[in-house]
Amino acid sequence: MSARWPAAATAVLISAVGLLALGGCGGEEEPELTSAQVIQHVYRRGGVQLSPSGDAKPGTTILALPFELRELYGGFEIYLFNGKNRAVEALLEDAKPDDLGIYWVRDQQGGWLALSKYGANLILAWFDAPGNRTVSPKWHRLDTLLEELV
């Protein structure tokens, strides 16, 4: 995989992102976002250009920030699922977000991935956590941008 994402964390991320694809069940219908909406919004409001990654599986789009802009937002990828993803529905029942709505998942190197759900189909995978379950202003900037979409 690319330099922006540790290869050892890939399998953990794909499994964990699948966990969140069904989050927010019940209540008000959540909007399903398109990659064009996300790219346009992040560019307009955040001043950076996201681009699709070639690493996506069918039915999934991955948007990423150029590596050289990581100082502003940290390391992250945005996953957009097309339609409903129910591959790991049983596991979702055990997933519990923290007070910020973050699902913390260990990567294979012992670090933490911060996964957050926006709308019906967008998952932010932020992997800039410094070895513990905390976020920095970089995550908060991304969270604010993505919350504006839903």
C-alpha atoms as a PDB file:
ATOM      1  CA  MET A   1       0.000   0.000   0.000  1.00  0.00           C
ATOM      2  CA  SER A   2       1.086   3.644  -0.160  1.00  0.00           C
ATOM      3  CA  ALA A   3       3.298   5.493   2.275  1.00  0.00           C
ATOM      4  CA  ARG A   4       0.294   7.220   3.843  1.00  0.00           C
ATOM      5  CA  TRP A   5      -1.016   3.998   5.413  1.00  0.00           C
ATOM      6  CA  PRO A   6       0.998   1.289   7.186  1.00  0.00           C
ATOM      7  CA  ALA A   7       0.501  -1.982   5.333  1.00  0.00           C
ATOM      8  CA  ALA A   8       0.202  -3.951   8.569  1.00  0.00           C
ATOM      9  CA  ALA A   9      -2.877  -1.944   9.560  1.00  0.00           C
ATOM     10  CA  THR A  10      -4.780  -2.536   6.327  1.00  0.00           C
ATOM     11  CA  ALA A  11      -6.550  -5.765   7.320  1.00  0.00           C
ATOM     12  CA  VAL A  12      -7.535  -4.337  10.690  1.00  0.00           C
ATOM     13  CA  LEU A  13      -8.919  -1.196   9.063  1.00  0.00           C
ATOM     14  CA  ILE A  14     -10.978  -3.035   6.451  1.00  0.00           C
ATOM     15  CA  SER A  15     -12.529  -5.214   9.172  1.00  0.00           C
ATOM     16  CA  ALA A  16     -13.167  -2.282  11.476  1.00  0.00           C
ATOM     17  CA  VAL A  17     -14.649  -0.107   8.741  1.00  0.00           C
ATOM     18  CA  GLY A  18     -17.051  -2.915   7.961  1.00  0.00           C
ATOM     19  CA  LEU A  19     -18.143  -2.806  11.606  1.00  0.00           C
ATOM     20  CA  LEU A  20     -19.220   0.797  11.283  1.00  0.00           C
ATOM     21  CA  ALA A  21     -21.025   0.572   7.985  1.00  0.00           C
ATOM     22  CA  LEU A  22     -24.275  -0.185   9.778  1.00  0.00           C
ATOM     23  CA  GLY A  23     -23.904   2.295  12.630  1.00  0.00           C
ATOM     24  CA  GLY A  24     -26.709   4.706  13.374  1.00  0.00           C
ATOM     25  CA  CYS A  25     -29.487   2.147  12.933  1.00  0.00           C
ATOM     26  CA  GLY A  26     -32.936   3.380  13.902  1.00  0.00           C
ATOM     27  CA  GLY A  27     -34.170   6.918  14.231  1.00  0.00           C
ATOM     28  CA  GLU A  28     -33.870   9.501  11.506  1.00  0.00           C
ATOM     29  CA  GLU A  29     -32.720   8.415   8.036  1.00  0.00           C
ATOM     30  CA  GLU A  30     -29.078   9.374   7.489  1.00  0.00           C
ATOM     31  CA  PRO A  31     -27.972  10.873   4.164  1.00  0.00           C
ATOM     32  CA  GLU A  32     -25.945   8.736   1.776  1.00  0.00           C
ATOM     33  CA  LEU A  33     -23.035  10.822   0.539  1.00  0.00           C
ATOM     34  CA  THR A  34     -21.238  10.636  -2.796  1.00  0.00           C
ATOM     35  CA  SER A  35     -17.514  10.972  -3.357  1.00  0.00           C
ATOM     36  CA  ALA A  36     -18.155  14.095  -5.472  1.00  0.00           C
ATOM     37  CA  GLN A  37     -20.023  15.753  -2.570  1.00  0.00           C
ATOM     38  CA  VAL A  38     -17.239  14.954  -0.119  1.00  0.00           C
ATOM     39  CA  ILE A  39     -14.419  16.039  -2.452  1.00  0.00           C
ATOM     40  CA  GLN A  40     -16.175  19.320  -3.279  1.00  0.00           C
ATOM     41  CA  HIS A  41     -17.043  20.096   0.343  1.00  0.00           C
ATOM     42  CA  VAL A  42     -13.574  19.376   1.730  1.00  0.00           C
ATOM     43  CA  TYR A  43     -12.001  21.465  -1.028  1.00  0.00           C
ATOM     44  CA  ARG A  44     -14.431  24.367  -0.586  1.00  0.00           C
ATOM     45  CA  ARG A  45     -14.390  24.424   3.235  1.00  0.00           C
ATOM     46  CA  GLY A  46     -10.998  22.907   4.040  1.00  0.00           C
ATOM     47  CA  GLY A  47      -8.902  24.108   1.121  1.00  0.00           C
ATOM     48  CA  VAL A  48      -7.472  20.690   0.268  1.00  0.00           C
ATOM     49  CA  GLN A  49      -8.077  18.351  -2.631  1.00  0.00           C
ATOM     50  CA  LEU A  50      -8.973  14.760  -1.776  1.00  0.00           C
ATOM     51  CA  SER A  51      -8.460  12.150  -4.438  1.00  0.00           C
ATOM     52  CA  PRO A  52      -9.734   8.586  -4.912  1.00  0.00           C
ATOM     53  CA  SER A  53      -7.325   5.818  -3.992  1.00  0.00           C
ATOM     54  CA  GLY A  54      -6.851   2.786  -6.192  1.00  0.00           C
ATOM     55  CA  ASP A  55      -6.932   0.529  -3.118  1.00  0.00           C
ATOM     56  CA  ALA A  56     -10.740   0.294  -2.851  1.00  0.00           C
ATOM     57  CA  LYS A  57     -12.747  -2.904  -3.077  1.00  0.00           C
ATOM     58  CA  PRO A  58     -15.876  -3.043  -5.271  1.00  0.00           C
ATOM     59  CA  GLY A  59     -18.707  -1.021  -3.726  1.00  0.00           C
ATOM     60  CA  THR A  60     -16.300   1.150  -1.756  1.00  0.00           C
ATOM     61  CA  THR A  61     -14.542   4.422  -2.586  1.00  0.00           C
ATOM     62  CA  ILE A  62     -11.492   5.523  -0.622  1.00  0.00           C
ATOM     63  CA  LEU A  63     -10.611   9.212  -0.579  1.00  0.00           C
ATOM     64  CA  ALA A  64      -7.218  10.346   0.645  1.00  0.00           C
ATOM     65  CA  LEU A  65      -5.239  13.507   1.189  1.00  0.00           C
ATOM     66  CA  PRO A  66      -1.866  13.866  -0.506  1.00  0.00           C
ATOM     67  CA  PHE A  67       0.820  12.705   1.925  1.00  0.00           C
ATOM     68  CA  GLU A  68       2.580  16.076   1.896  1.00  0.00           C
ATOM     69  CA  LEU A  69      -0.541  17.758   3.395  1.00  0.00           C
ATOM     70  CA  ARG A  70      -0.678  15.410   6.389  1.00  0.00           C
ATOM     71  CA  GLU A  71       0.547  18.140   8.762  1.00  0.00           C
ATOM     72  CA  LEU A  72      -2.847  19.889   8.618  1.00  0.00           C
ATOM     73  CA  TYR A  73      -5.187  16.916   9.171  1.00  0.00           C
ATOM     74  CA  GLY A  74      -2.999  13.987  10.141  1.00  0.00           C
ATOM     75  CA  GLY A  75      -3.034  10.609   8.451  1.00  0.00           C
ATOM     76  CA  PHE A  76      -6.477   9.523   7.335  1.00  0.00           C
ATOM     77  CA  GLU A  77      -8.620   7.943   4.661  1.00  0.00           C
ATOM     78  CA  ILE A  78     -12.324   8.428   4.023  1.00  0.00           C
ATOM     79  CA  TYR A  79     -14.343   5.355   3.088  1.00  0.00           C
ATOM     80  CA  LEU A  80     -17.621   5.720   1.202  1.00  0.00           C
ATOM     81  CA  PHE A  81     -19.787   2.626   0.877  1.00  0.00           C
ATOM     82  CA  ASN A  82     -22.214   2.262  -2.017  1.00  0.00           C
ATOM     83  CA  GLY A  83     -25.534   1.003  -0.683  1.00  0.00           C
ATOM     84  CA  LYS A  84     -25.887  -0.966   2.540  1.00  0.00           C
ATOM     85  CA  ASN A  85     -22.900  -3.014   3.694  1.00  0.00           C
ATOM     86  CA  ARG A  86     -24.048  -5.851   5.979  1.00  0.00           C
ATOM     87  CA  ALA A  87     -20.975  -8.080   5.866  1.00  0.00           C
ATOM     88  CA  VAL A  88     -20.240  -7.858   9.580  1.00  0.00           C
ATOM     89  CA  GLU A  89     -23.639  -6.898  11.033  1.00  0.00           C
ATOM     90  CA  ALA A  90     -23.268  -9.249  13.998  1.00  0.00           C
ATOM     91  CA  LEU A  91     -20.017  -7.583  15.075  1.00  0.00           C
ATOM     92  CA  LEU A  92     -21.573  -4.114  15.135  1.00  0.00           C
ATOM     93  CA  GLU A  93     -23.569  -4.966  18.226  1.00  0.00           C
ATOM     94  CA  ASP A  94     -20.317  -5.157  20.211  1.00  0.00           C
ATOM     95  CA  ALA A  95     -18.828  -1.914  18.830  1.00  0.00           C
ATOM     96  CA  LYS A  96     -19.132   0.973  21.280  1.00  0.00           C
ATOM     97  CA  PRO A  97     -18.164   4.548  20.406  1.00  0.00           C
ATOM     98  CA  ASP A  98     -16.560   6.855  22.957  1.00  0.00           C
ATOM     99  CA  ASP A  99     -17.989  10.258  23.947  1.00  0.00           C
ATOM    100  CA  LEU A 100     -16.803  11.789  20.657  1.00  0.00           C
ATOM    101  CA  GLY A 101     -18.430   9.024  18.594  1.00  0.00           C
ATOM    102  CA  ILE A 102     -15.063   7.419  17.836  1.00  0.00           C
ATOM    103  CA  TYR A 103     -14.690   3.652  17.557  1.00  0.00           C
ATOM    104  CA  TRP A 104     -11.127   2.859  18.646  1.00  0.00           C
ATOM    105  CA  VAL A 105      -9.576  -0.185  17.002  1.00  0.00           C
ATOM    106  CA  ARG A 106      -6.085  -1.590  17.526  1.00  0.00           C
ATOM    107  CA  ASP A 107      -3.918  -1.934  14.469  1.00  0.00           C
ATOM    108  CA  GLN A 108      -1.499  -4.818  13.988  1.00  0.00           C
ATOM    109  CA  GLN A 109       1.427  -2.724  15.188  1.00  0.00           C
ATOM    110  CA  GLY A 110      -0.186  -1.945  18.562  1.00  0.00           C
ATOM    111  CA  GLY A 111      -1.325   1.567  17.674  1.00  0.00           C
ATOM    112  CA  TRP A 112      -4.864   2.895  17.516  1.00  0.00           C
ATOM    113  CA  LEU A 113      -7.170   3.709  14.611  1.00  0.00           C
ATOM    114  CA  ALA A 114      -9.883   6.283  15.249  1.00  0.00           C
ATOM    115  CA  LEU A 115     -12.960   5.403  13.188  1.00  0.00           C
ATOM    116  CA  SER A 116     -15.896   7.802  12.954  1.00  0.00           C
ATOM    117  CA  LYS A 117     -19.170   7.485  11.034  1.00  0.00           C
ATOM    118  CA  TYR A 118     -20.892  10.340   9.167  1.00  0.00           C
ATOM    119  CA  GLY A 119     -24.204   9.935   7.393  1.00  0.00           C
ATOM    120  CA  ALA A 120     -25.285   6.524   6.164  1.00  0.00           C
ATOM    121  CA  ASN A 121     -22.116   5.547   4.340  1.00  0.00           C
ATOM    122  CA  LEU A 122     -19.018   7.597   5.229  1.00  0.00           C
ATOM    123  CA  ILE A 123     -16.321   6.353   7.591  1.00  0.00           C
ATOM    124  CA  LEU A 124     -13.328   8.468   8.575  1.00  0.00           C
ATOM    125  CA  ALA A 125     -10.294   6.328   9.423  1.00  0.00           C
ATOM    126  CA  TRP A 126      -7.808   8.577  11.215  1.00  0.00           C
ATOM    127  CA  PHE A 127      -4.488   6.952  12.037  1.00  0.00           C
ATOM    128  CA  ASP A 128      -2.554   9.796  13.572  1.00  0.00           C
ATOM    129  CA  ALA A 129      -3.226   8.804  17.201  1.00  0.00           C
ATOM    130  CA  PRO A 130       0.068   8.927  19.138  1.00  0.00           C
ATOM    131  CA  GLY A 131      -0.074   5.388  20.568  1.00  0.00           C
ATOM    132  CA  ASN A 132      -3.048   6.049  22.821  1.00  0.00           C
ATOM    133  CA  ARG A 133      -6.764   6.637  22.404  1.00  0.00           C
ATOM    134  CA  THR A 134      -6.635  10.402  22.011  1.00  0.00           C
ATOM    135  CA  VAL A 135      -7.247  12.777  19.160  1.00  0.00           C
ATOM    136  CA  SER A 136      -5.503  16.014  18.318  1.00  0.00           C
ATOM    137  CA  PRO A 137      -6.711  19.270  16.773  1.00  0.00           C
ATOM    138  CA  LYS A 138      -6.031  17.582  13.413  1.00  0.00           C
ATOM    139  CA  TRP A 139      -8.875  15.102  14.023  1.00  0.00           C
ATOM    140  CA  HIS A 140     -11.154  17.865  15.292  1.00  0.00           C
ATOM    141  CA  ARG A 141     -10.596  19.848  12.050  1.00  0.00           C
ATOM    142  CA  LEU A 142     -11.608  16.804  10.004  1.00  0.00           C
ATOM    143  CA  ASP A 143     -14.563  16.019  12.242  1.00  0.00           C
ATOM    144  CA  THR A 144     -15.891  19.568  11.863  1.00  0.00           C
ATOM    145  CA  LEU A 145     -15.585  19.385   8.069  1.00  0.00           C
ATOM    146  CA  LEU A 146     -17.363  16.050   7.840  1.00  0.00           C
ATOM    147  CA  GLU A 147     -20.099  16.937  10.355  1.00  0.00           C
ATOM    148  CA  GLU A 148     -21.041  19.848   8.065  1.00  0.00           C
ATOM    149  CA  LEU A 149     -21.938  17.328   5.347  1.00  0.00           C
ATOM    150  CA  VAL A 150     -24.678  15.577   7.324  1.00  0.00           C
END
